[in-house]
Amino acid sequence: MKLEILSFEWNLFDSDSANSIYAVTKAWAITVLKDHTALLTSLSPSVIEVKYTENNEEKTENFAVWWWVLEVSNNKVRILVDMLVTTENANFEKANNAKKEAEKLMEKYKNSKDRIDMEKFIQAEDSMLKAIAELKIKG
């Protein structure tokens, strides 16, 4: 099965021999296998696990992704992402600090006696989800 992970600027990962792709959508977690039915769905901040064959050896790659889209059609999977983090380029200390800061801000906004600024709460929640996704690829 063909797999392409793309951003608006370039192709981030490409394989002609993907065996399975695990991803978390807004509604559920899915595993895409050969001959999967056509699908177009949005992704949540999470980890995508890709199993593929290279030089007759099965390999596994994990990618932290934020929001965007997964498309399956005719044994081809295309994932368009706004940001992708691999174990090689992850900054786990920075992600852990971002997670703690986002949790602190969310708690502040949630427990505020005043009116909650939902835009700030959603931004803090988004930062926390991104950090958690990055921390999950640490293993």
N, C-alpha and C. Protein backbone atom coordinates (compact mmCIF):
# COMPACT_ATOMS: atom_id res chain seq x y z
N MET A 1 0.85 -1.16 0.00
CA MET A 1 0.00 0.00 0.00
C MET A 1 0.91 1.23 0.00
N LYS A 2 0.55 2.21 -0.76
CA LYS A 2 1.32 3.46 -0.87
C LYS A 2 0.91 4.40 0.27
N LEU A 3 1.91 5.03 0.90
CA LEU A 3 1.65 6.00 1.97
C LEU A 3 2.45 7.26 1.70
N GLU A 4 1.79 8.40 1.81
CA GLU A 4 2.45 9.70 1.74
C GLU A 4 1.99 10.52 2.93
N ILE A 5 2.94 11.06 3.67
CA ILE A 5 2.63 12.03 4.71
C ILE A 5 3.18 13.35 4.21
N LEU A 6 2.28 14.30 4.03
CA LEU A 6 2.61 15.56 3.36
C LEU A 6 2.30 16.76 4.25
N SER A 7 3.06 17.82 4.06
CA SER A 7 2.70 19.11 4.61
C SER A 7 2.40 20.00 3.41
N PHE A 8 2.07 21.23 3.65
CA PHE A 8 1.82 22.13 2.53
C PHE A 8 3.09 22.42 1.76
N GLU A 9 4.23 22.22 2.38
CA GLU A 9 5.49 22.59 1.75
C GLU A 9 6.25 21.42 1.13
N TRP A 10 6.17 20.21 1.72
CA TRP A 10 6.95 19.10 1.18
C TRP A 10 6.40 17.75 1.63
N ASN A 11 6.94 16.72 1.01
CA ASN A 11 6.61 15.35 1.35
C ASN A 11 7.48 14.96 2.55
N LEU A 12 6.87 14.59 3.67
CA LEU A 12 7.59 14.31 4.90
C LEU A 12 7.98 12.85 5.05
N PHE A 13 7.15 11.95 4.54
CA PHE A 13 7.43 10.51 4.61
C PHE A 13 6.73 9.86 3.44
N ASP A 14 7.39 8.88 2.85
CA ASP A 14 6.86 8.22 1.67
C ASP A 14 7.25 6.75 1.71
N SER A 15 6.29 5.87 1.46
CA SER A 15 6.59 4.45 1.39
C SER A 15 5.65 3.79 0.38
N ASP A 16 6.21 2.93 -0.42
CA ASP A 16 5.39 2.15 -1.36
C ASP A 16 4.99 0.81 -0.75
N SER A 17 5.45 0.51 0.45
CA SER A 17 5.20 -0.81 1.05
C SER A 17 4.69 -0.71 2.49
N ALA A 18 3.72 0.20 2.71
CA ALA A 18 3.12 0.31 4.04
C ALA A 18 2.23 -0.91 4.29
N ASN A 19 2.37 -1.50 5.47
CA ASN A 19 1.54 -2.66 5.84
C ASN A 19 0.34 -2.26 6.68
N SER A 20 0.54 -1.26 7.55
CA SER A 20 -0.57 -0.76 8.36
C SER A 20 -0.27 0.64 8.83
N ILE A 21 -1.32 1.42 9.00
CA ILE A 21 -1.22 2.77 9.52
C ILE A 21 -2.27 2.91 10.62
N TYR A 22 -1.79 3.22 11.83
CA TYR A 22 -2.69 3.44 12.96
C TYR A 22 -2.74 4.95 13.21
N ALA A 23 -3.96 5.49 13.31
CA ALA A 23 -4.13 6.93 13.55
C ALA A 23 -5.36 7.17 14.40
N VAL A 24 -5.37 8.31 15.07
CA VAL A 24 -6.52 8.70 15.90
C VAL A 24 -7.25 9.82 15.18
N THR A 25 -8.51 9.57 14.87
CA THR A 25 -9.33 10.58 14.21
C THR A 25 -10.13 11.31 15.28
N LYS A 26 -10.92 12.27 14.86
CA LYS A 26 -11.76 13.00 15.82
C LYS A 26 -12.84 12.10 16.40
N ALA A 27 -13.19 11.03 15.70
CA ALA A 27 -14.27 10.16 16.17
C ALA A 27 -13.78 8.86 16.80
N TRP A 28 -12.68 8.29 16.31
CA TRP A 28 -12.22 6.99 16.78
C TRP A 28 -10.78 6.75 16.34
N ALA A 29 -10.19 5.70 16.84
CA ALA A 29 -8.87 5.26 16.38
C ALA A 29 -9.08 4.25 15.26
N ILE A 30 -8.24 4.32 14.24
CA ILE A 30 -8.37 3.41 13.11
C ILE A 30 -7.04 2.79 12.76
N THR A 31 -7.09 1.61 12.16
CA THR A 31 -5.93 0.98 11.54
C THR A 31 -6.28 0.76 10.09
N VAL A 32 -5.48 1.31 9.21
CA VAL A 32 -5.69 1.17 7.77
C VAL A 32 -4.80 0.04 7.30
N LEU A 33 -5.42 -0.95 6.64
CA LEU A 33 -4.72 -2.09 6.07
C LEU A 33 -4.95 -2.11 4.57
N LYS A 34 -4.26 -2.98 3.86
CA LYS A 34 -4.43 -3.13 2.42
C LYS A 34 -5.91 -3.37 2.10
N ASP A 35 -6.37 -2.78 1.02
CA ASP A 35 -7.76 -2.89 0.53
C ASP A 35 -8.77 -2.25 1.48
N HIS A 36 -8.33 -1.30 2.30
CA HIS A 36 -9.25 -0.57 3.18
C HIS A 36 -10.26 0.20 2.33
N THR A 37 -11.44 0.32 2.81
CA THR A 37 -12.47 1.08 2.10
C THR A 37 -12.07 2.55 2.02
N ALA A 38 -12.58 3.23 1.01
CA ALA A 38 -12.27 4.65 0.85
C ALA A 38 -12.72 5.42 2.09
N LEU A 39 -11.91 6.40 2.47
CA LEU A 39 -12.17 7.13 3.71
C LEU A 39 -11.54 8.51 3.63
N LEU A 40 -12.22 9.49 4.16
CA LEU A 40 -11.68 10.83 4.34
C LEU A 40 -12.08 11.26 5.73
N THR A 41 -11.09 11.54 6.59
CA THR A 41 -11.39 11.87 7.97
C THR A 41 -10.37 12.86 8.51
N SER A 42 -10.76 13.57 9.56
CA SER A 42 -9.82 14.51 10.18
C SER A 42 -9.11 13.83 11.34
N LEU A 43 -7.87 14.23 11.56
CA LEU A 43 -7.06 13.66 12.63
C LEU A 43 -7.07 14.56 13.85
N SER A 44 -6.86 13.96 15.00
CA SER A 44 -6.66 14.69 16.24
C SER A 44 -5.18 14.69 16.57
N PRO A 45 -4.72 15.60 17.42
CA PRO A 45 -3.32 15.53 17.84
C PRO A 45 -3.06 14.17 18.47
N SER A 46 -2.13 13.43 17.91
CA SER A 46 -1.89 12.06 18.36
C SER A 46 -0.63 11.51 17.72
N VAL A 47 -0.45 10.22 17.89
CA VAL A 47 0.68 9.53 17.27
C VAL A 47 0.16 8.64 16.15
N ILE A 48 0.80 8.75 14.99
CA ILE A 48 0.52 7.85 13.88
C ILE A 48 1.61 6.79 13.90
N GLU A 49 1.20 5.53 13.90
CA GLU A 49 2.16 4.43 13.84
C GLU A 49 2.10 3.82 12.45
N VAL A 50 3.24 3.78 11.79
CA VAL A 50 3.32 3.24 10.43
C VAL A 50 4.20 2.00 10.45
N LYS A 51 3.65 0.88 9.98
CA LYS A 51 4.45 -0.33 9.79
C LYS A 51 4.62 -0.52 8.29
N TYR A 52 5.87 -0.71 7.88
CA TYR A 52 6.16 -0.85 6.46
C TYR A 52 7.33 -1.80 6.27
N THR A 53 7.50 -2.27 5.04
CA THR A 53 8.58 -3.18 4.72
C THR A 53 9.64 -2.43 3.91
N GLU A 54 10.89 -2.61 4.35
CA GLU A 54 12.01 -2.01 3.63
C GLU A 54 13.14 -3.03 3.62
N ASN A 55 13.62 -3.37 2.43
CA ASN A 55 14.68 -4.38 2.28
C ASN A 55 14.30 -5.69 2.97
N ASN A 56 13.07 -6.14 2.74
CA ASN A 56 12.52 -7.39 3.30
C ASN A 56 12.49 -7.41 4.83
N GLU A 57 12.51 -6.26 5.46
CA GLU A 57 12.45 -6.16 6.91
C GLU A 57 11.29 -5.24 7.30
N GLU A 58 10.43 -5.71 8.24
CA GLU A 58 9.34 -4.86 8.70
C GLU A 58 9.88 -3.82 9.68
N LYS A 59 9.52 -2.58 9.43
CA LYS A 59 9.95 -1.47 10.28
C LYS A 59 8.72 -0.75 10.81
N THR A 60 8.92 -0.04 11.91
CA THR A 60 7.85 0.75 12.50
C THR A 60 8.37 2.16 12.74
N GLU A 61 7.58 3.14 12.32
CA GLU A 61 7.90 4.55 12.56
C GLU A 61 6.71 5.17 13.29
N ASN A 62 7.01 6.00 14.28
CA ASN A 62 5.97 6.74 14.99
C ASN A 62 6.16 8.22 14.72
N PHE A 63 5.04 8.89 14.44
CA PHE A 63 5.05 10.32 14.16
C PHE A 63 4.01 11.00 15.02
N ALA A 64 4.40 12.08 15.70
CA ALA A 64 3.42 12.91 16.40
C ALA A 64 2.89 13.91 15.38
N VAL A 65 1.58 13.99 15.29
CA VAL A 65 0.95 14.93 14.35
C VAL A 65 -0.06 15.78 15.10
N TRP A 66 -0.36 16.91 14.52
CA TRP A 66 -1.39 17.76 15.11
C TRP A 66 -2.65 17.58 14.30
N TRP A 67 -3.30 18.60 13.89
CA TRP A 67 -4.58 18.49 13.17
C TRP A 67 -4.36 18.26 11.68
N TRP A 68 -5.29 17.72 11.03
CA TRP A 68 -5.45 17.70 9.59
C TRP A 68 -6.18 16.48 9.08
N VAL A 69 -5.79 15.95 7.94
CA VAL A 69 -6.67 15.05 7.20
C VAL A 69 -5.96 13.76 6.78
N LEU A 70 -6.70 12.66 6.82
CA LEU A 70 -6.24 11.36 6.33
C LEU A 70 -7.21 10.92 5.24
N GLU A 71 -6.65 10.50 4.11
CA GLU A 71 -7.45 10.05 2.99
C GLU A 71 -6.98 8.66 2.56
N VAL A 72 -7.94 7.75 2.38
CA VAL A 72 -7.64 6.41 1.89
C VAL A 72 -8.43 6.20 0.61
N SER A 73 -7.74 5.75 -0.45
CA SER A 73 -8.40 5.49 -1.72
C SER A 73 -7.51 4.59 -2.56
N ASN A 74 -8.06 3.47 -3.02
CA ASN A 74 -7.36 2.56 -3.94
C ASN A 74 -5.97 2.16 -3.45
N ASN A 75 -5.88 1.67 -2.22
CA ASN A 75 -4.61 1.24 -1.62
C ASN A 75 -3.55 2.34 -1.58
N LYS A 76 -4.01 3.56 -1.47
CA LYS A 76 -3.12 4.71 -1.30
C LYS A 76 -3.64 5.52 -0.11
N VAL A 77 -2.73 5.84 0.80
CA VAL A 77 -3.08 6.63 1.98
C VAL A 77 -2.28 7.92 1.91
N ARG A 78 -2.99 9.02 2.01
CA ARG A 78 -2.34 10.32 2.07
C ARG A 78 -2.76 11.00 3.36
N ILE A 79 -1.76 11.48 4.07
CA ILE A 79 -2.02 12.19 5.33
C ILE A 79 -1.43 13.58 5.18
N LEU A 80 -2.29 14.58 5.26
CA LEU A 80 -1.86 15.97 5.19
C LEU A 80 -1.80 16.49 6.61
N VAL A 81 -0.63 16.96 7.04
CA VAL A 81 -0.45 17.41 8.42
C VAL A 81 0.08 18.84 8.43
N ASP A 82 -0.21 19.54 9.51
CA ASP A 82 0.34 20.88 9.67
C ASP A 82 1.69 20.84 10.36
N MET A 83 1.97 19.77 11.10
CA MET A 83 3.26 19.61 11.76
C MET A 83 3.47 18.14 12.05
N LEU A 84 4.71 17.70 11.94
CA LEU A 84 5.04 16.31 12.16
C LEU A 84 6.33 16.24 12.98
N VAL A 85 6.31 15.42 14.03
CA VAL A 85 7.49 15.26 14.87
C VAL A 85 7.86 13.78 14.89
N THR A 86 9.14 13.50 14.69
CA THR A 86 9.65 12.13 14.78
C THR A 86 10.46 12.01 16.06
N THR A 87 10.86 10.79 16.41
CA THR A 87 11.68 10.62 17.61
C THR A 87 13.03 11.33 17.44
N GLU A 88 13.49 11.47 16.20
CA GLU A 88 14.78 12.13 15.96
C GLU A 88 14.72 13.64 16.18
N ASN A 89 13.59 14.28 15.86
CA ASN A 89 13.54 15.74 15.99
C ASN A 89 12.66 16.22 17.15
N ALA A 90 12.23 15.30 17.99
CA ALA A 90 11.39 15.68 19.14
C ALA A 90 12.24 16.34 20.22
N ASN A 91 11.63 17.28 20.91
CA ASN A 91 12.27 17.92 22.06
C ASN A 91 11.39 17.59 23.27
N PHE A 92 11.68 16.47 23.94
CA PHE A 92 10.81 15.98 24.99
C PHE A 92 10.77 16.90 26.22
N GLU A 93 11.89 17.53 26.52
CA GLU A 93 11.90 18.46 27.66
C GLU A 93 10.99 19.66 27.37
N LYS A 94 11.10 20.19 26.18
CA LYS A 94 10.25 21.32 25.79
C LYS A 94 8.78 20.90 25.77
N ALA A 95 8.50 19.72 25.25
CA ALA A 95 7.11 19.23 25.20
C ALA A 95 6.56 19.04 26.60
N ASN A 96 7.37 18.50 27.51
CA ASN A 96 6.92 18.29 28.89
C ASN A 96 6.63 19.63 29.57
N ASN A 97 7.49 20.61 29.36
CA ASN A 97 7.26 21.94 29.92
C ASN A 97 6.00 22.58 29.33
N ALA A 98 5.80 22.42 28.03
CA ALA A 98 4.60 22.97 27.38
C ALA A 98 3.34 22.32 27.93
N LYS A 99 3.40 21.01 28.16
CA LYS A 99 2.25 20.29 28.72
C LYS A 99 1.90 20.83 30.11
N LYS A 100 2.92 20.99 30.95
CA LYS A 100 2.69 21.49 32.32
C LYS A 100 2.12 22.91 32.29
N GLU A 101 2.68 23.75 31.44
CA GLU A 101 2.19 25.13 31.33
C GLU A 101 0.74 25.16 30.83
N ALA A 102 0.43 24.33 29.84
CA ALA A 102 -0.94 24.28 29.32
C ALA A 102 -1.92 23.78 30.38
N GLU A 103 -1.52 22.76 31.13
CA GLU A 103 -2.39 22.26 32.20
C GLU A 103 -2.65 23.34 33.24
N LYS A 104 -1.60 24.09 33.57
CA LYS A 104 -1.73 25.17 34.56
C LYS A 104 -2.70 26.25 34.05
N LEU A 105 -2.54 26.64 32.77
CA LEU A 105 -3.43 27.64 32.19
C LEU A 105 -4.87 27.16 32.12
N MET A 106 -5.05 25.90 31.73
CA MET A 106 -6.41 25.36 31.65
C MET A 106 -7.07 25.35 33.02
N GLU A 107 -6.33 24.98 34.03
CA GLU A 107 -6.86 24.96 35.39
C GLU A 107 -7.23 26.39 35.83
N LYS A 108 -6.37 27.34 35.50
CA LYS A 108 -6.63 28.74 35.83
C LYS A 108 -7.92 29.21 35.16
N TYR A 109 -8.06 28.93 33.87
CA TYR A 109 -9.25 29.37 33.14
C TYR A 109 -10.50 28.65 33.63
N LYS A 110 -10.34 27.37 33.95
CA LYS A 110 -11.49 26.58 34.39
C LYS A 110 -12.00 27.05 35.76
N ASN A 111 -11.10 27.39 36.66
CA ASN A 111 -11.47 27.77 38.02
C ASN A 111 -11.65 29.27 38.21
N SER A 112 -11.61 30.01 37.13
CA SER A 112 -11.76 31.45 37.22
C SER A 112 -13.17 31.80 37.68
N LYS A 113 -13.26 32.75 38.60
CA LYS A 113 -14.57 33.22 39.07
C LYS A 113 -15.21 34.10 38.01
N ASP A 114 -14.37 34.67 37.16
CA ASP A 114 -14.87 35.52 36.09
C ASP A 114 -15.30 34.65 34.91
N ARG A 115 -15.75 35.32 33.92
CA ARG A 115 -16.16 34.63 32.70
C ARG A 115 -14.94 33.97 32.06
N ILE A 116 -15.09 32.73 31.61
CA ILE A 116 -13.99 31.99 30.97
C ILE A 116 -13.76 32.54 29.57
N ASP A 117 -12.50 32.80 29.25
CA ASP A 117 -12.12 33.17 27.90
C ASP A 117 -11.92 31.87 27.13
N MET A 118 -12.94 31.45 26.41
CA MET A 118 -12.90 30.15 25.74
C MET A 118 -11.80 30.07 24.69
N GLU A 119 -11.49 31.16 24.04
CA GLU A 119 -10.42 31.12 23.04
C GLU A 119 -9.09 30.78 23.70
N LYS A 120 -8.80 31.40 24.85
CA LYS A 120 -7.55 31.09 25.55
C LYS A 120 -7.56 29.67 26.10
N PHE A 121 -8.72 29.22 26.58
CA PHE A 121 -8.83 27.85 27.10
C PHE A 121 -8.57 26.84 25.98
N ILE A 122 -9.16 27.07 24.82
CA ILE A 122 -8.98 26.17 23.67
C ILE A 122 -7.53 26.18 23.20
N GLN A 123 -6.88 27.34 23.20
CA GLN A 123 -5.47 27.41 22.82
C GLN A 123 -4.60 26.62 23.80
N ALA A 124 -4.91 26.75 25.10
CA ALA A 124 -4.16 26.00 26.11
C ALA A 124 -4.38 24.50 25.94
N GLU A 125 -5.62 24.11 25.68
CA GLU A 125 -5.93 22.69 25.47
C GLU A 125 -5.21 22.16 24.23
N ASP A 126 -5.19 22.95 23.17
CA ASP A 126 -4.50 22.56 21.94
C ASP A 126 -3.00 22.37 22.20
N SER A 127 -2.40 23.29 22.95
CA SER A 127 -0.98 23.16 23.30
C SER A 127 -0.72 21.90 24.11
N MET A 128 -1.63 21.59 25.03
CA MET A 128 -1.47 20.39 25.84
C MET A 128 -1.55 19.13 24.97
N LEU A 129 -2.52 19.09 24.06
CA LEU A 129 -2.68 17.92 23.19
C LEU A 129 -1.46 17.73 22.28
N LYS A 130 -0.90 18.81 21.76
CA LYS A 130 0.30 18.74 20.94
C LYS A 130 1.47 18.17 21.75
N ALA A 131 1.62 18.68 22.96
CA ALA A 131 2.73 18.22 23.82
C ALA A 131 2.57 16.75 24.16
N ILE A 132 1.35 16.32 24.47
CA ILE A 132 1.10 14.91 24.81
C ILE A 132 1.43 14.02 23.61
N ALA A 133 1.04 14.44 22.42
CA ALA A 133 1.34 13.66 21.21
C ALA A 133 2.84 13.51 21.03
N GLU A 134 3.57 14.60 21.24
CA GLU A 134 5.03 14.55 21.09
C GLU A 134 5.65 13.65 22.16
N LEU A 135 5.15 13.73 23.39
CA LEU A 135 5.69 12.90 24.47
C LEU A 135 5.41 11.41 24.25
N LYS A 136 4.30 11.08 23.57
CA LYS A 136 3.95 9.67 23.34
C LYS A 136 4.94 8.97 22.41
N ILE A 137 5.59 9.70 21.51
CA ILE A 137 6.53 9.02 20.61
C ILE A 137 7.84 8.67 21.31
N LYS A 138 8.01 9.19 22.53
CA LYS A 138 9.22 8.88 23.29
C LYS A 138 9.31 7.39 23.60
N GLY A 139 8.13 6.78 23.77
CA GLY A 139 8.10 5.34 24.01
C GLY A 139 8.19 4.92 25.43
